[in-house]
């Protein structure tokens, strides 16, 4: 799992009240965070670094498609094991938006038949 996605999910889940509310993350938003953290290039500079943004966005889309096909994500921390269900929320002009749902330990989680 990319470190910037991992940090974003941890931060959002920690501030969110308990429950099964989904956390929505877009592939373009993840690409922007990655480029900002790695090279310090802001999204407003996209025109100048067009090729970089294009390549990173394609990679983020492929990572997101992998997570959708897998259906879940988990990581281990010192406080325990975190398990998130993953589903495709929307796709707009190539921007893939995924929903991440925290799954309580010991429960079965299945995608709805949408």
C-alpha atoms as a PDB file:
ATOM      1  CA  UNK A   1       0.000   0.000   0.000  1.00  0.00           C
ATOM      2  CA  UNK A   2       1.417   3.426  -0.879  1.00  0.00           C
ATOM      3  CA  UNK A   3       2.519   5.319   2.221  1.00  0.00           C
ATOM      4  CA  UNK A   4       0.480   8.445   1.384  1.00  0.00           C
ATOM      5  CA  UNK A   5      -2.709   6.345   1.026  1.00  0.00           C
ATOM      6  CA  UNK A   6      -1.922   4.548   4.275  1.00  0.00           C
ATOM      7  CA  UNK A   7      -1.425   7.845   6.137  1.00  0.00           C
ATOM      8  CA  UNK A   8      -4.563   9.403   4.643  1.00  0.00           C
ATOM      9  CA  UNK A   9      -6.727   6.418   5.607  1.00  0.00           C
ATOM     10  CA  UNK A  10      -5.298   6.295   9.126  1.00  0.00           C
ATOM     11  CA  UNK A  11      -5.889  10.012   9.654  1.00  0.00           C
ATOM     12  CA  UNK A  12      -9.460   9.914   8.340  1.00  0.00           C
ATOM     13  CA  UNK A  13     -10.412   6.762  10.249  1.00  0.00           C
ATOM     14  CA  UNK A  14      -8.935   8.091  13.500  1.00  0.00           C
ATOM     15  CA  UNK A  15     -10.995  11.298  13.319  1.00  0.00           C
ATOM     16  CA  UNK A  16     -14.192   9.581  12.170  1.00  0.00           C
ATOM     17  CA  UNK A  17     -16.765   8.365  14.704  1.00  0.00           C
ATOM     18  CA  UNK A  18     -17.197   4.606  15.062  1.00  0.00           C
ATOM     19  CA  UNK A  19     -19.480   3.009  12.523  1.00  0.00           C
ATOM     20  CA  UNK A  20     -19.493   1.718   8.995  1.00  0.00           C
ATOM     21  CA  UNK A  21     -19.358   5.041   7.190  1.00  0.00           C
ATOM     22  CA  UNK A  22     -17.221   4.864   4.049  1.00  0.00           C
ATOM     23  CA  UNK A  23     -14.103   6.941   3.519  1.00  0.00           C
ATOM     24  CA  UNK A  24     -13.917   8.175  -0.084  1.00  0.00           C
ATOM     25  CA  UNK A  25     -10.525   8.623  -1.754  1.00  0.00           C
ATOM     26  CA  UNK A  26      -9.948   9.537  -5.410  1.00  0.00           C
ATOM     27  CA  UNK A  27      -7.040   8.329  -7.520  1.00  0.00           C
ATOM     28  CA  UNK A  28      -6.241  11.883  -8.635  1.00  0.00           C
ATOM     29  CA  UNK A  29      -6.263  13.078  -5.031  1.00  0.00           C
ATOM     30  CA  UNK A  30      -3.854  10.308  -4.101  1.00  0.00           C
ATOM     31  CA  UNK A  31      -1.603  11.257  -7.044  1.00  0.00           C
ATOM     32  CA  UNK A  32      -1.603  14.900  -5.941  1.00  0.00           C
ATOM     33  CA  UNK A  33      -0.667  13.917  -2.365  1.00  0.00           C
ATOM     34  CA  UNK A  34       2.104  11.642  -3.595  1.00  0.00           C
ATOM     35  CA  UNK A  35       3.615  14.279  -5.898  1.00  0.00           C
ATOM     36  CA  UNK A  36       3.422  16.930  -3.170  1.00  0.00           C
ATOM     37  CA  UNK A  37       5.058  14.693  -0.560  1.00  0.00           C
ATOM     38  CA  UNK A  38       7.732  13.304  -2.899  1.00  0.00           C
ATOM     39  CA  UNK A  39       8.732  16.334  -4.984  1.00  0.00           C
ATOM     40  CA  UNK A  40       6.986  19.283  -3.325  1.00  0.00           C
ATOM     41  CA  UNK A  41       5.058  20.105  -6.516  1.00  0.00           C
ATOM     42  CA  UNK A  42       1.578  21.510  -5.888  1.00  0.00           C
ATOM     43  CA  UNK A  43      -1.451  20.595  -8.042  1.00  0.00           C
ATOM     44  CA  UNK A  44      -1.574  24.219  -9.248  1.00  0.00           C
ATOM     45  CA  UNK A  45       1.738  23.541 -11.051  1.00  0.00           C
ATOM     46  CA  UNK A  46       0.173  20.684 -13.040  1.00  0.00           C
ATOM     47  CA  UNK A  47       0.445  22.496 -16.364  1.00  0.00           C
ATOM     48  CA  UNK A  48       4.206  22.876 -16.001  1.00  0.00           C
ATOM     49  CA  UNK A  49       4.727  19.221 -14.962  1.00  0.00           C
ATOM     50  CA  UNK A  50       2.073  17.693 -17.217  1.00  0.00           C
ATOM     51  CA  UNK A  51       3.968  14.466 -17.970  1.00  0.00           C
ATOM     52  CA  UNK A  52       4.738  13.750 -14.303  1.00  0.00           C
ATOM     53  CA  UNK A  53       1.126  14.230 -13.226  1.00  0.00           C
ATOM     54  CA  UNK A  54      -0.125  12.091 -16.098  1.00  0.00           C
ATOM     55  CA  UNK A  55       2.194   9.179 -15.288  1.00  0.00           C
ATOM     56  CA  UNK A  56       1.538   9.241 -11.543  1.00  0.00           C
ATOM     57  CA  UNK A  57      -2.232   9.422 -12.074  1.00  0.00           C
ATOM     58  CA  UNK A  58      -2.119   6.365 -14.344  1.00  0.00           C
ATOM     59  CA  UNK A  59      -0.156   4.461 -11.699  1.00  0.00           C
ATOM     60  CA  UNK A  60      -2.624   5.474  -8.984  1.00  0.00           C
ATOM     61  CA  UNK A  61      -5.529   4.281 -11.138  1.00  0.00           C
ATOM     62  CA  UNK A  62      -3.873   0.889 -11.599  1.00  0.00           C
ATOM     63  CA  UNK A  63      -3.245   0.612  -7.835  1.00  0.00           C
ATOM     64  CA  UNK A  64      -6.900   1.492  -7.168  1.00  0.00           C
ATOM     65  CA  UNK A  65      -8.103  -1.066  -9.730  1.00  0.00           C
ATOM     66  CA  UNK A  66      -6.027  -3.693  -7.937  1.00  0.00           C
ATOM     67  CA  UNK A  67      -7.664  -2.835  -4.601  1.00  0.00           C
ATOM     68  CA  UNK A  68     -11.146  -2.952  -6.152  1.00  0.00           C
ATOM     69  CA  UNK A  69     -10.475  -6.402  -7.595  1.00  0.00           C
ATOM     70  CA  UNK A  70      -9.125  -7.587  -4.244  1.00  0.00           C
ATOM     71  CA  UNK A  71     -12.061  -6.170  -2.261  1.00  0.00           C
ATOM     72  CA  UNK A  72     -10.236  -5.465   0.998  1.00  0.00           C
ATOM     73  CA  UNK A  73      -7.071  -3.960   2.481  1.00  0.00           C
ATOM     74  CA  UNK A  74      -5.404  -4.656   5.800  1.00  0.00           C
ATOM     75  CA  UNK A  75      -2.344  -3.504   7.702  1.00  0.00           C
ATOM     76  CA  UNK A  76      -0.803  -4.304  11.065  1.00  0.00           C
ATOM     77  CA  UNK A  77       0.107  -1.720  13.682  1.00  0.00           C
ATOM     78  CA  UNK A  78       1.225  -1.918  17.272  1.00  0.00           C
ATOM     79  CA  UNK A  79      -2.366  -1.244  18.360  1.00  0.00           C
ATOM     80  CA  UNK A  80      -3.753  -4.105  16.265  1.00  0.00           C
ATOM     81  CA  UNK A  81      -4.826  -5.226  12.845  1.00  0.00           C
ATOM     82  CA  UNK A  82      -6.878  -2.842  10.679  1.00  0.00           C
ATOM     83  CA  UNK A  83      -9.160  -4.278   8.005  1.00  0.00           C
ATOM     84  CA  UNK A  84     -10.961  -2.155   5.408  1.00  0.00           C
ATOM     85  CA  UNK A  85     -13.439  -3.247   2.777  1.00  0.00           C
ATOM     86  CA  UNK A  86     -12.915  -1.591  -0.614  1.00  0.00           C
ATOM     87  CA  UNK A  87     -15.507  -0.852  -3.291  1.00  0.00           C
ATOM     88  CA  UNK A  88     -15.716   1.298  -6.407  1.00  0.00           C
ATOM     89  CA  UNK A  89     -17.779   4.365  -5.605  1.00  0.00           C
ATOM     90  CA  UNK A  90     -17.552   6.171  -8.954  1.00  0.00           C
ATOM     91  CA  UNK A  91     -15.396   6.825 -11.991  1.00  0.00           C
ATOM     92  CA  UNK A  92     -15.422  10.253 -13.609  1.00  0.00           C
ATOM     93  CA  UNK A  93     -13.225  10.930 -16.663  1.00  0.00           C
ATOM     94  CA  UNK A  94     -10.623   8.424 -15.510  1.00  0.00           C
ATOM     95  CA  UNK A  95     -10.646   9.579 -11.881  1.00  0.00           C
ATOM     96  CA  UNK A  96     -11.415   6.437  -9.898  1.00  0.00           C
ATOM     97  CA  UNK A  97     -13.103   7.046  -6.534  1.00  0.00           C
ATOM     98  CA  UNK A  98     -12.992   4.231  -3.984  1.00  0.00           C
ATOM     99  CA  UNK A  99     -14.903   3.768  -0.770  1.00  0.00           C
ATOM    100  CA  UNK A 100     -13.038   2.293   2.197  1.00  0.00           C
ATOM    101  CA  UNK A 101     -15.230   0.840   4.958  1.00  0.00           C
ATOM    102  CA  UNK A 102     -13.725  -0.065   8.360  1.00  0.00           C
ATOM    103  CA  UNK A 103     -14.586  -3.681   9.200  1.00  0.00           C
ATOM    104  CA  UNK A 104     -14.888  -4.571  12.892  1.00  0.00           C
ATOM    105  CA  UNK A 105     -12.866  -7.631  13.954  1.00  0.00           C
ATOM    106  CA  UNK A 106     -14.754 -10.907  13.790  1.00  0.00           C
ATOM    107  CA  UNK A 107     -17.443  -9.715  11.371  1.00  0.00           C
ATOM    108  CA  UNK A 108     -18.073 -10.848   7.838  1.00  0.00           C
ATOM    109  CA  UNK A 109     -18.149  -8.123   5.240  1.00  0.00           C
ATOM    110  CA  UNK A 110     -19.628  -8.509   1.784  1.00  0.00           C
ATOM    111  CA  UNK A 111     -20.219  -6.100  -1.044  1.00  0.00           C
ATOM    112  CA  UNK A 112     -23.804  -5.252  -1.818  1.00  0.00           C
ATOM    113  CA  UNK A 113     -25.115  -6.384  -5.189  1.00  0.00           C
ATOM    114  CA  UNK A 114     -25.121  -2.924  -6.815  1.00  0.00           C
END
